[in-house]
Every structure is written in structure tokens, then in C-alpha cells.
Amino acid sequence: MAAGNFRKWLAIGAGVGIEVGARELRIVVARVRPTGVRVLGATTIEGFRERPATEWGAEYAAFLKKLGASHLVASVLLPRHEVIVRPVNLPGVAAGDLDAAVGFQLESLYPYPEDEAACAWARIPRAAWVLVAIARRAAVERYAELFSEAGIKVASFTVSAAAIRSAIRLLATPPAAFVTYHVAGGEVELYGESEARPLFSAVFDPPLERALPLALAELRLDAAQESLPLQQMLPTPRWAPPDFDLSRATLAYAAALAGACPRLATAANLLPAQLRQTSSRAIYVPTLVLGGLLAIVLAALAVSGTLENRRYLERLDAEIAKLEPRAKRLSQMDGQVAAARARTQLLDDFQKRSKADLDALNELTKLLAPPAWLNSLELNRSGVILSGEAEQAASLLKILDASPMFRNSEFTTGITRVGGAEVFRIRTQREGEPQ
């Protein structure tokens, strides 16, 4: 059974998604089954920032009670402009070392003091990347206090990128490379995935036609790549109330799907652990029953092959005992050879470094031809950071990656226009250098 099909049969649960808007809360309640999604209800609470929390909290409680969903806890999407979302590449880092590796990277990811930042991260399966979500600690505490005063049980404060990535995979396997967009509140939010970047999430000013080329450049995708509205990438509800408008409640719907099956979701939870609440465990009964049946089948298969496996292991242990002394001698010899090679390589590397740095500078001079110019350049063993101005900054990523000396180029800040030029800041890795 393929991994995607197996995940689909584990997709059982119900969840509440809340999107925090400028003045309103968009709320969607959804039930997920392997056969599809049912939207139990949707509503919008207006003016929640000005009204007493107890007042709109009672409105929320009455809405859930009407749907028979009072036991559910909510997955809350914080406003996109109040969070920073960064995918971070950490190749070769073991799972046990991820906390330290992510912590080492955090200082370069947000613009405010360390004690003012609340951070959460989630590893992207089958990739060397992690999704890092950052918000001001004061904002997280303010929303936590607000929802607590309203009497709303909250399981997570998450970000749209994590909810979208979870929702589109819940019942189907998305394309290997795609870009999707959501336009709301005078902003264009773009989400995409590709082989070069397993996750991209950014917010741009309209129009969409200007924002799309920037996203495609970051994802290393062709300019002709088709983009779809986000609601078309999410699972289509098998049933929903007649007044349900998926185009208006897209993000709340994605949060509800992710919250319905938290064990299958990409969890970037900014809510402090001591404040998180969980739904009634009764919703996990079907999953546990299916898991028990699967365990019984696997146990029966294991017992049927026990005797044959035991005889095979006995023969295998006898052969291992014969070859073990020889293997130890070979291992010692391999270690000596490796040490000698390492010393030789170290000497060679020292001789090549000066020439490699000069070659890199020469190559950058050729690639960034006038009228493009730089006002700063940082060169180290692993990469280069460039700051400057150009007529069309978006095309510089492909120009750098086309060189045999550079790879994985990316903008570290958004492109801004000053006069007739675009100001950029690019980080690129040197080909052949350690990451």
C-alpha cells in the first residue's frame, strides 16, 4: 500500500478552524473520513477586537453546541502579517540534533530581540528542511489571553503554511511542483512546493500577476507553470451547508482539516504547551479499532514465519562468527587509509582556497554585468551574500544558479524598488563547498 493511501485511511477526526482576521473571526467545523470531508458548519464573528470577549465567546459556544461539536478544540491561524514563516535547510542533521540546529539558526530569522520572540518548528517529511514559525511573544500571549477570556478551548496557534501543507495531503497526494494563491484583505498569499524548495510561503501586495513571477523564481519553476486558487487544491467537501462559501473561508477550512487529524499534520504550534487543550478521546475510537485490527493481522503474519526466521538467523549467526575477525582487520585498515586521505585532502584544500575565492569573485563580476552593481559582498567557504541594485532583480537567481560555481540562490529579503532600480539581497551557496 502506498504511503499516501495509508495516510488517507488514517484520516479520521473532526476539527474547528479559526482564522483571525483584521476585525473578524472566520470559523469552520469539519468532519474528516477516508471517504471525504463534511463541513458541519461555518460562521463569522464580527468585531471581536472591540466587543467583550465573553460576549462573542458565548456566540461561539452556541454555534458549536448547535452542531454537537462542543467537545472540539480549535486550531487558530494567527494573522499572516503578525508571523514570520521561514523554511530552513538542514541537510545531514539527525532528528535528535534538530532542536540545537534550529536554535542555532533562529537569531538570523527574526528582526526583534530574542526574548521577544516565540518560535515553533516542524520537520518536513522526506526532506532536509524544517518549517519555522516566529511571532512576537507579546502577540501570542495577547491572543491566548483573549481566547481564554472568551472560554474557547484552543489546541494550537499555527500559521497558514503549516495548515495548507497538511490539508492538501490529507486525502490525496499533491503534485511534485505547484504554486497556489489566496487573495483576501488586500493581500496575495502564495504557497508552493518544488524539488528545489519543498515549501514556500509569502505575502505580497496585489496584483497577483506581479507576485507570481517572484514565487516561481524562488521555487526554480518555469514562468509558464500554472497556478491555482487555494480552494481548488484543498479537498472538496462531500457536503456543506447551502450558505458555505469556500472561497471566503479557505484558510479556516484548511485549519479545520489540519486540526481534525493532528497526527497527520505539520505541527508548527506557537501556543505554549501548558495552554494547549485536546478534544475528547472518543473521536480516536475508530482509529484505535482500525489500528487494533491491523495489529492482529500483522501479528498473525509474524507468527507464521517465526520458525523459519529462527533457523535462518542461526545459520546467519554462524557465518557472521566466521567472518568477524577478518572484518575487524579490514575495518582497521580502512580507518588508517581514511585518516591518510583526510590529511592529504586537508593540505590540498588549503592550497586551493585562495584560487577558488578569486575564481568566485571573477565569476560574479561576469554574471552581474552593468547596470547591475553591488554595494556589499560577503564571501566565505560555503557561500556568498550579495547586496545591490539591478533593473530586474528577480532574474538574478536563475543567472547565479546557471553558473557552475553557485547553487541554491535565494532572496534573504523582499525586493524593493528605489527609483528606476530594484534593491536586492541574495544568499547563494558555492558549488563544491560544504553546505
Protein backbone atom coordinates (compact mmCIF):
# COMPACT_ATOMS: atom_id res chain seq x y z
CA MET A 1 0.00 0.00 0.00
CA ALA A 2 1.40 3.41 -0.99
CA ALA A 3 2.23 5.87 1.79
CA GLY A 4 -0.40 8.34 0.55
CA ASN A 5 -3.17 5.69 0.57
CA PHE A 6 -2.19 4.56 4.08
CA ARG A 7 -2.39 8.16 5.35
CA LYS A 8 -5.82 8.51 3.76
CA TRP A 9 -7.22 5.60 5.78
CA LEU A 10 -5.89 7.19 8.98
CA ALA A 11 -7.68 10.47 8.20
CA ILE A 12 -10.45 10.21 10.79
CA GLY A 13 -11.46 13.06 13.08
CA ALA A 14 -13.23 16.38 13.48
CA GLY A 15 -11.81 19.83 13.99
CA VAL A 16 -12.55 23.53 14.35
CA GLY A 17 -10.51 26.02 12.33
CA ILE A 18 -10.42 29.71 13.29
CA GLU A 19 -8.83 32.33 11.04
CA VAL A 20 -8.01 35.56 12.89
CA GLY A 21 -8.76 38.46 10.58
CA ALA A 22 -8.38 42.22 10.93
CA ARG A 23 -11.78 42.62 12.65
CA GLU A 24 -13.42 39.23 12.34
CA LEU A 25 -13.01 35.56 13.20
CA ARG A 26 -13.83 33.09 10.42
CA ILE A 27 -14.80 29.70 11.85
CA VAL A 28 -15.27 26.35 10.10
CA VAL A 29 -16.18 23.00 11.70
CA ALA A 30 -15.35 19.92 9.58
CA ARG A 31 -15.52 16.15 9.96
CA VAL A 32 -12.91 14.08 8.10
CA ARG A 33 -13.23 10.48 6.96
CA PRO A 34 -11.21 8.50 4.40
CA THR A 35 -14.19 8.83 2.05
CA GLY A 36 -14.26 12.64 2.20
CA VAL A 37 -14.95 15.79 4.22
CA ARG A 38 -18.24 17.09 5.61
CA VAL A 39 -18.43 20.75 6.60
CA LEU A 40 -20.71 20.74 9.62
CA GLY A 41 -20.99 24.49 9.77
CA ALA A 42 -19.29 27.86 9.25
CA THR A 43 -19.77 31.30 10.74
CA THR A 44 -18.09 34.68 11.09
CA ILE A 45 -17.81 36.64 14.35
CA GLU A 46 -17.55 40.35 13.53
CA GLY A 47 -15.80 43.00 15.60
CA PHE A 48 -14.23 40.60 18.06
CA ARG A 49 -11.45 43.06 18.90
CA GLU A 50 -13.88 45.76 20.07
CA ARG A 51 -16.53 43.55 21.73
CA PRO A 52 -16.21 41.95 25.17
CA ALA A 53 -14.62 38.52 24.88
CA THR A 54 -17.34 36.89 26.95
CA GLU A 55 -19.97 38.16 24.53
CA TRP A 56 -18.53 36.71 21.31
CA GLY A 57 -17.25 33.68 23.24
CA ALA A 58 -20.87 32.85 24.11
CA GLU A 59 -21.76 33.25 20.42
CA TYR A 60 -19.01 30.77 19.52
CA ALA A 61 -20.13 28.29 22.20
CA ALA A 62 -23.73 28.44 20.98
CA PHE A 63 -22.57 27.79 17.41
CA LEU A 64 -20.60 24.66 18.43
CA LYS A 65 -23.45 23.42 20.64
CA LYS A 66 -25.86 23.70 17.74
CA LEU A 67 -23.56 21.45 15.68
CA GLY A 68 -22.97 18.97 18.52
CA ALA A 69 -19.28 19.91 18.49
CA SER A 70 -18.81 21.48 21.92
CA HIS A 71 -16.13 18.90 22.77
CA LEU A 72 -13.85 20.04 19.93
CA VAL A 73 -10.85 22.29 20.43
CA ALA A 74 -9.81 24.91 17.90
CA SER A 75 -6.80 25.28 15.63
CA VAL A 76 -6.22 29.03 15.35
CA LEU A 77 -4.48 30.65 12.37
CA LEU A 78 -2.65 33.78 13.50
CA PRO A 79 -2.78 36.74 11.08
CA ARG A 80 -0.18 36.26 8.35
CA HIS A 81 1.27 39.76 8.82
CA GLU A 82 1.95 39.01 12.50
CA VAL A 83 4.07 35.90 11.89
CA ILE A 84 7.31 35.11 10.10
CA VAL A 85 7.44 31.84 8.16
CA ARG A 86 10.83 30.53 7.09
CA PRO A 87 11.78 27.17 5.54
CA VAL A 88 15.30 26.29 6.73
CA ASN A 89 17.54 23.74 5.02
CA LEU A 90 19.43 21.49 7.48
CA PRO A 91 21.00 18.69 5.42
CA GLY A 92 22.58 15.81 7.29
CA VAL A 93 21.17 16.79 10.71
CA ALA A 94 19.88 13.83 12.73
CA ALA A 95 16.41 14.03 14.30
CA GLY A 96 17.90 14.19 17.80
CA ASP A 97 20.02 17.21 16.86
CA LEU A 98 17.27 19.26 15.17
CA ASP A 99 16.41 21.35 18.27
CA ALA A 100 20.00 22.56 18.58
CA ALA A 101 20.41 23.09 14.83
CA VAL A 102 17.20 25.12 14.52
CA GLY A 103 18.06 27.11 17.62
CA PHE A 104 21.43 27.99 16.09
CA GLN A 105 19.67 29.40 13.01
CA LEU A 106 16.90 31.32 14.79
CA GLU A 107 18.77 34.56 15.52
CA SER A 108 19.10 35.28 11.80
CA LEU A 109 15.39 34.69 11.09
CA TYR A 110 13.61 37.47 13.01
CA PRO A 111 14.21 41.22 13.41
CA TYR A 112 13.47 41.69 17.12
CA PRO A 113 15.22 40.80 20.39
CA GLU A 114 15.45 37.11 21.30
CA ASP A 115 13.41 37.43 24.50
CA GLU A 116 10.53 38.96 22.50
CA ALA A 117 10.23 36.04 20.05
CA ALA A 118 8.02 32.94 20.25
CA CYS A 119 9.20 30.19 17.90
CA ALA A 120 7.94 26.80 16.72
CA TRP A 121 9.16 24.44 14.02
CA ALA A 122 8.18 21.23 12.26
CA ARG A 123 10.29 18.92 10.13
CA ILE A 124 9.12 18.43 6.54
CA PRO A 125 8.92 14.65 5.97
CA ARG A 126 11.33 13.10 3.48
CA ALA A 127 13.29 16.37 3.18
CA ALA A 128 16.22 18.07 4.89
CA TRP A 129 14.08 21.16 5.58
CA VAL A 130 12.14 22.40 8.58
CA LEU A 131 9.28 24.90 8.66
CA VAL A 132 9.98 27.61 11.27
CA ALA A 133 7.19 29.87 12.53
CA ILE A 134 8.01 33.00 14.56
CA ALA A 135 5.81 35.62 16.20
CA ARG A 136 6.20 38.25 18.86
CA ARG A 137 5.75 36.66 22.26
CA ALA A 138 3.53 39.54 23.34
CA ALA A 139 1.16 38.90 20.41
CA VAL A 140 0.91 35.19 21.22
CA GLU A 141 0.22 35.93 24.88
CA ARG A 142 -2.39 38.55 23.92
CA TYR A 143 -4.31 36.12 21.70
CA ALA A 144 -4.01 33.35 24.31
CA GLU A 145 -5.48 35.63 26.97
CA LEU A 146 -8.22 36.80 24.60
CA PHE A 147 -9.38 33.28 23.70
CA SER A 148 -9.14 32.22 27.33
CA GLU A 149 -11.40 35.11 28.37
CA ALA A 150 -13.85 34.04 25.65
CA GLY A 151 -13.88 30.49 27.01
CA ILE A 152 -12.64 29.00 23.72
CA LYS A 153 -10.59 25.82 24.02
CA VAL A 154 -7.52 26.10 21.78
CA ALA A 155 -5.18 23.29 20.73
CA SER A 156 -2.76 25.32 18.63
CA PHE A 157 -1.74 28.73 17.34
CA THR A 158 -0.37 27.89 13.92
CA VAL A 159 0.40 29.53 10.56
CA SER A 160 -1.27 29.24 7.18
CA ALA A 161 1.73 27.46 5.56
CA ALA A 162 1.53 24.56 8.03
CA ALA A 163 -2.27 24.29 7.70
CA ILE A 164 -2.18 24.40 3.90
CA ARG A 165 0.58 21.79 3.65
CA SER A 166 -1.34 19.45 5.97
CA ALA A 167 -4.76 19.94 4.38
CA ILE A 168 -3.77 19.32 0.75
CA ARG A 169 -2.18 15.99 1.74
CA LEU A 170 -4.96 14.73 3.97
CA LEU A 171 -6.89 12.73 1.36
CA ALA A 172 -4.71 12.98 -1.77
CA THR A 173 -1.13 13.38 -2.95
CA PRO A 174 -0.38 16.86 -4.37
CA PRO A 175 1.78 17.42 -7.49
CA ALA A 176 5.55 17.38 -7.05
CA ALA A 177 5.73 21.06 -8.04
CA PHE A 178 2.93 23.63 -7.81
CA VAL A 179 2.03 27.19 -6.82
CA THR A 180 -1.30 28.16 -5.30
CA TYR A 181 -2.63 31.53 -4.20
CA HIS A 182 -5.22 33.07 -1.88
CA VAL A 183 -6.36 36.69 -2.25
CA ALA A 184 -8.01 38.29 0.77
CA GLY A 185 -7.89 41.52 2.73
CA GLY A 186 -5.90 43.38 0.07
CA GLU A 187 -3.07 40.80 0.21
CA VAL A 188 -1.94 37.98 -2.03
CA GLU A 189 -0.71 34.92 -0.14
CA LEU A 190 1.29 32.45 -2.22
CA TYR A 191 2.17 28.89 -1.25
CA GLY A 192 4.19 26.47 -3.35
CA GLU A 193 6.38 23.39 -3.39
CA SER A 194 9.09 22.13 -5.74
CA GLU A 195 12.13 19.87 -5.77
CA ALA A 196 14.38 22.86 -5.09
CA ARG A 197 12.25 24.16 -2.18
CA PRO A 198 9.81 21.76 -0.53
CA LEU A 199 7.90 24.71 0.95
CA PHE A 200 7.47 28.37 0.01
CA SER A 201 5.10 30.80 1.72
CA ALA A 202 4.95 34.58 1.30
CA VAL A 203 2.52 37.51 1.27
CA PHE A 204 2.66 40.15 -1.46
CA ASP A 205 0.82 43.30 -2.37
CA PRO A 206 -1.53 42.89 -5.33
CA PRO A 207 -1.73 42.41 -8.25
CA LEU A 208 -1.33 38.63 -8.45
CA GLU A 209 0.37 38.91 -11.85
CA ARG A 210 3.32 40.74 -10.28
CA ALA A 211 3.65 38.41 -7.29
CA LEU A 212 3.57 35.10 -9.20
CA PRO A 213 6.92 35.54 -11.05
CA LEU A 214 8.69 36.16 -7.73
CA ALA A 215 7.28 32.95 -6.23
CA LEU A 216 8.15 30.93 -9.35
CA ALA A 217 11.71 32.27 -9.24
CA GLU A 218 12.09 31.26 -5.58
CA LEU A 219 10.78 27.76 -6.38
CA ARG A 220 13.01 27.45 -9.51
CA LEU A 221 9.91 26.76 -11.61
CA ASP A 222 9.26 27.73 -15.20
CA ALA A 223 7.45 31.02 -15.74
CA ALA A 224 4.71 29.12 -17.61
CA GLN A 225 3.87 26.99 -14.53
CA GLU A 226 0.11 27.01 -13.94
CA SER A 227 -1.14 28.38 -10.62
CA LEU A 228 -4.47 27.55 -8.98
CA PRO A 229 -6.61 29.21 -6.30
CA LEU A 230 -6.04 27.61 -2.91
CA GLN A 231 -9.62 26.35 -2.61
CA GLN A 232 -9.06 24.16 -5.68
CA MET A 233 -6.03 22.49 -4.05
CA LEU A 234 -7.90 21.59 -0.86
CA PRO A 235 -10.19 18.52 -0.58
CA THR A 236 -13.62 19.36 -1.98
CA PRO A 237 -16.30 18.86 0.72
CA ARG A 238 -18.70 15.99 0.05
CA TRP A 239 -21.33 18.00 1.90
CA ALA A 240 -21.55 21.55 3.21
CA PRO A 241 -24.35 23.91 4.31
CA PRO A 242 -26.00 25.78 1.40
CA ASP A 243 -24.56 29.11 2.55
CA PHE A 244 -20.96 27.82 2.88
CA ASP A 245 -18.56 29.83 0.68
CA LEU A 246 -15.21 28.04 0.45
CA SER A 247 -13.57 30.97 -1.36
CA ARG A 248 -14.15 33.21 1.71
CA ALA A 249 -13.38 30.61 4.40
CA THR A 250 -10.45 28.90 2.64
CA LEU A 251 -7.85 29.29 5.39
CA ALA A 252 -10.27 28.48 8.21
CA TYR A 253 -11.28 25.33 6.29
CA ALA A 254 -7.60 24.33 5.91
CA ALA A 255 -7.06 24.88 9.65
CA ALA A 256 -10.12 22.74 10.47
CA LEU A 257 -8.79 19.86 8.33
CA ALA A 258 -5.35 20.05 9.93
CA GLY A 259 -6.90 20.20 13.40
CA ALA A 260 -9.17 17.23 12.67
CA CYS A 261 -6.16 14.93 12.10
CA PRO A 262 -3.31 16.42 14.17
CA ARG A 263 -1.19 13.27 13.96
CA LEU A 264 -1.07 13.62 10.17
CA ALA A 265 -0.48 17.39 10.20
CA THR A 266 2.64 19.53 10.00
CA ALA A 267 2.67 20.85 13.58
CA ALA A 268 4.15 24.33 13.98
CA ASN A 269 2.41 25.28 17.23
CA LEU A 270 3.22 28.67 18.75
CA LEU A 271 0.84 28.21 21.70
CA PRO A 272 2.79 27.40 24.90
CA ALA A 273 2.47 23.72 25.82
CA GLN A 274 0.84 24.42 29.20
CA LEU A 275 -2.04 26.27 27.49
CA ARG A 276 -2.86 23.63 24.86
CA GLN A 277 -6.07 21.63 25.19
CA THR A 278 -7.23 18.44 23.49
CA SER A 279 -10.54 17.15 22.18
CA SER A 280 -12.45 14.26 23.69
CA ARG A 281 -10.64 10.99 23.16
CA ALA A 282 -13.79 9.39 21.84
CA ILE A 283 -13.00 10.73 18.37
CA TYR A 284 -9.97 8.43 18.27
CA VAL A 285 -12.00 5.25 18.87
CA PRO A 286 -12.40 4.41 15.14
CA THR A 287 -8.67 4.92 14.60
CA LEU A 288 -7.82 2.71 17.55
CA VAL A 289 -10.17 -0.03 16.33
CA LEU A 290 -8.62 0.01 12.87
CA GLY A 291 -5.17 0.04 14.42
CA GLY A 292 -6.05 -2.95 16.59
CA LEU A 293 -7.29 -4.93 13.59
CA LEU A 294 -4.13 -4.08 11.70
CA ALA A 295 -2.02 -5.20 14.66
CA ILE A 296 -3.84 -8.55 14.76
CA VAL A 297 -3.17 -9.16 11.06
CA LEU A 298 0.50 -8.23 11.40
CA ALA A 299 0.86 -10.50 14.46
CA ALA A 300 -0.62 -13.44 12.54
CA LEU A 301 1.84 -12.89 9.69
CA ALA A 302 4.72 -12.63 12.13
CA VAL A 303 3.85 -15.88 13.94
CA SER A 304 3.57 -17.83 10.68
CA GLY A 305 7.17 -17.05 9.81
CA THR A 306 8.75 -17.30 13.25
CA LEU A 307 10.21 -20.82 12.97
CA GLU A 308 11.71 -20.28 9.53
CA ASN A 309 13.19 -16.95 10.61
CA ARG A 310 14.76 -18.58 13.67
CA ARG A 311 16.54 -21.24 11.57
CA TYR A 312 17.71 -18.63 9.13
CA LEU A 313 19.11 -16.44 11.93
CA GLU A 314 21.03 -19.37 13.41
CA ARG A 315 22.75 -20.04 10.07
CA LEU A 316 23.40 -16.33 9.65
CA ASP A 317 24.97 -16.01 13.12
CA ALA A 318 27.32 -18.94 12.35
CA GLU A 319 28.55 -17.26 9.16
CA ILE A 320 28.98 -13.92 10.96
CA ALA A 321 31.13 -15.60 13.63
CA LYS A 322 33.43 -16.99 10.94
CA LEU A 323 33.88 -13.69 9.14
CA GLU A 324 34.02 -11.34 12.14
CA PRO A 325 37.85 -11.47 12.75
CA ARG A 326 38.53 -10.74 9.09
CA ALA A 327 36.03 -7.90 9.09
CA LYS A 328 37.69 -6.30 12.11
CA ARG A 329 41.11 -6.35 10.38
CA LEU A 330 39.62 -4.78 7.25
CA SER A 331 37.88 -2.13 9.33
CA GLN A 332 41.17 -1.16 10.98
CA MET A 333 42.87 -0.90 7.60
CA ASP A 334 40.02 1.21 6.26
CA GLY A 335 40.38 3.59 9.18
CA GLN A 336 44.11 4.03 8.56
CA VAL A 337 43.56 4.67 4.86
CA ALA A 338 40.79 7.17 5.60
CA ALA A 339 42.99 9.07 8.05
CA ALA A 340 45.81 9.30 5.49
CA ARG A 341 43.41 10.51 2.82
CA ALA A 342 41.98 13.12 5.17
CA ARG A 343 45.43 14.55 5.92
CA THR A 344 46.25 14.69 2.22
CA GLN A 345 42.94 16.31 1.38
CA LEU A 346 43.42 18.93 4.09
CA LEU A 347 46.72 20.02 2.56
CA ASP A 348 45.19 20.16 -0.92
CA ASP A 349 42.24 22.22 0.31
CA PHE A 350 44.48 24.88 1.82
CA GLN A 351 46.26 25.29 -1.50
CA LYS A 352 43.02 25.56 -3.47
CA ARG A 353 41.14 28.01 -1.26
CA SER A 354 42.83 31.22 -2.45
CA LYS A 355 42.39 30.32 -6.10
CA ALA A 356 38.76 29.27 -5.52
CA ASP A 357 37.93 32.61 -3.86
CA LEU A 358 39.47 34.57 -6.74
CA ASP A 359 37.62 32.43 -9.26
CA ALA A 360 34.33 33.08 -7.44
CA LEU A 361 34.89 36.86 -7.48
CA ASN A 362 35.77 36.74 -11.18
CA GLU A 363 32.63 34.72 -11.94
CA LEU A 364 30.40 37.17 -10.03
CA THR A 365 31.93 40.07 -11.98
CA LYS A 366 30.94 38.35 -15.22
CA LEU A 367 27.43 37.37 -14.08
CA LEU A 368 26.41 40.72 -12.57
CA ALA A 369 27.19 42.90 -15.56
CA PRO A 370 26.28 46.60 -15.59
CA PRO A 371 23.89 48.26 -15.00
CA ALA A 372 23.63 45.85 -12.04
CA TRP A 373 26.02 46.78 -9.19
CA LEU A 374 26.80 45.69 -5.65
CA ASN A 375 27.14 47.75 -2.52
CA SER A 376 28.28 44.82 -0.36
CA LEU A 377 29.63 41.30 -0.83
CA GLU A 378 30.32 38.70 1.89
CA LEU A 379 32.38 35.69 0.76
CA ASN A 380 33.05 32.63 2.92
CA ARG A 381 33.82 28.95 2.44
CA SER A 382 30.21 27.88 1.95
CA GLY A 383 28.54 30.78 0.20
CA VAL A 384 28.20 34.40 -0.83
CA ILE A 385 25.83 37.14 0.32
CA LEU A 386 25.24 39.91 -2.24
CA SER A 387 23.51 43.26 -1.76
CA GLY A 388 22.96 45.73 -4.53
CA GLU A 389 20.70 47.10 -7.24
CA ALA A 390 19.59 45.84 -10.66
CA GLU A 391 16.94 46.64 -13.24
CA GLN A 392 15.31 43.17 -12.89
CA ALA A 393 16.37 41.53 -9.61
CA ALA A 394 14.03 38.51 -9.94
CA SER A 395 16.09 37.08 -12.81
CA LEU A 396 19.35 37.09 -10.81
CA LEU A 397 18.54 33.78 -9.06
CA LYS A 398 18.44 31.87 -12.34
CA ILE A 399 21.57 33.67 -13.60
CA LEU A 400 23.52 32.66 -10.47
CA ASP A 401 22.23 29.07 -10.42
CA ALA A 402 23.13 28.69 -14.11
CA SER A 403 26.78 29.21 -13.20
CA PRO A 404 28.75 26.04 -12.37
CA MET A 405 30.15 27.83 -9.32
CA PHE A 406 26.88 28.62 -7.46
CA ARG A 407 23.65 26.88 -6.43
CA ASN A 408 20.54 27.24 -4.26
CA SER A 409 20.38 31.04 -4.63
CA GLU A 410 17.62 32.77 -2.68
CA PHE A 411 16.48 36.25 -1.65
CA THR A 412 17.03 36.86 2.06
CA THR A 413 14.73 39.90 1.98
CA GLY A 414 11.97 41.03 -0.33
CA ILE A 415 12.78 43.01 -3.43
CA THR A 416 12.16 46.76 -3.12
CA ARG A 417 12.17 49.34 -5.87
CA VAL A 418 14.17 52.57 -5.43
CA GLY A 419 13.93 54.96 -8.32
CA GLY A 420 14.43 53.00 -11.54
CA ALA A 421 16.22 50.05 -9.91
CA GLU A 422 15.29 47.09 -7.66
CA VAL A 423 17.24 46.66 -4.42
CA PHE A 424 18.05 43.06 -3.57
CA ARG A 425 19.90 40.90 -1.07
CA ILE A 426 20.77 37.37 -2.21
CA ARG A 427 22.36 34.39 -0.45
CA THR A 428 23.91 31.69 -2.69
CA GLN A 429 25.93 28.58 -1.95
CA ARG A 430 29.25 27.91 -3.61
CA GLU A 431 29.33 24.78 -5.73
CA GLY A 432 31.74 22.20 -4.39
CA GLU A 433 31.93 23.89 -0.95
CA PRO A 434 30.43 22.31 2.21
CA GLN A 435 26.88 23.32 2.97
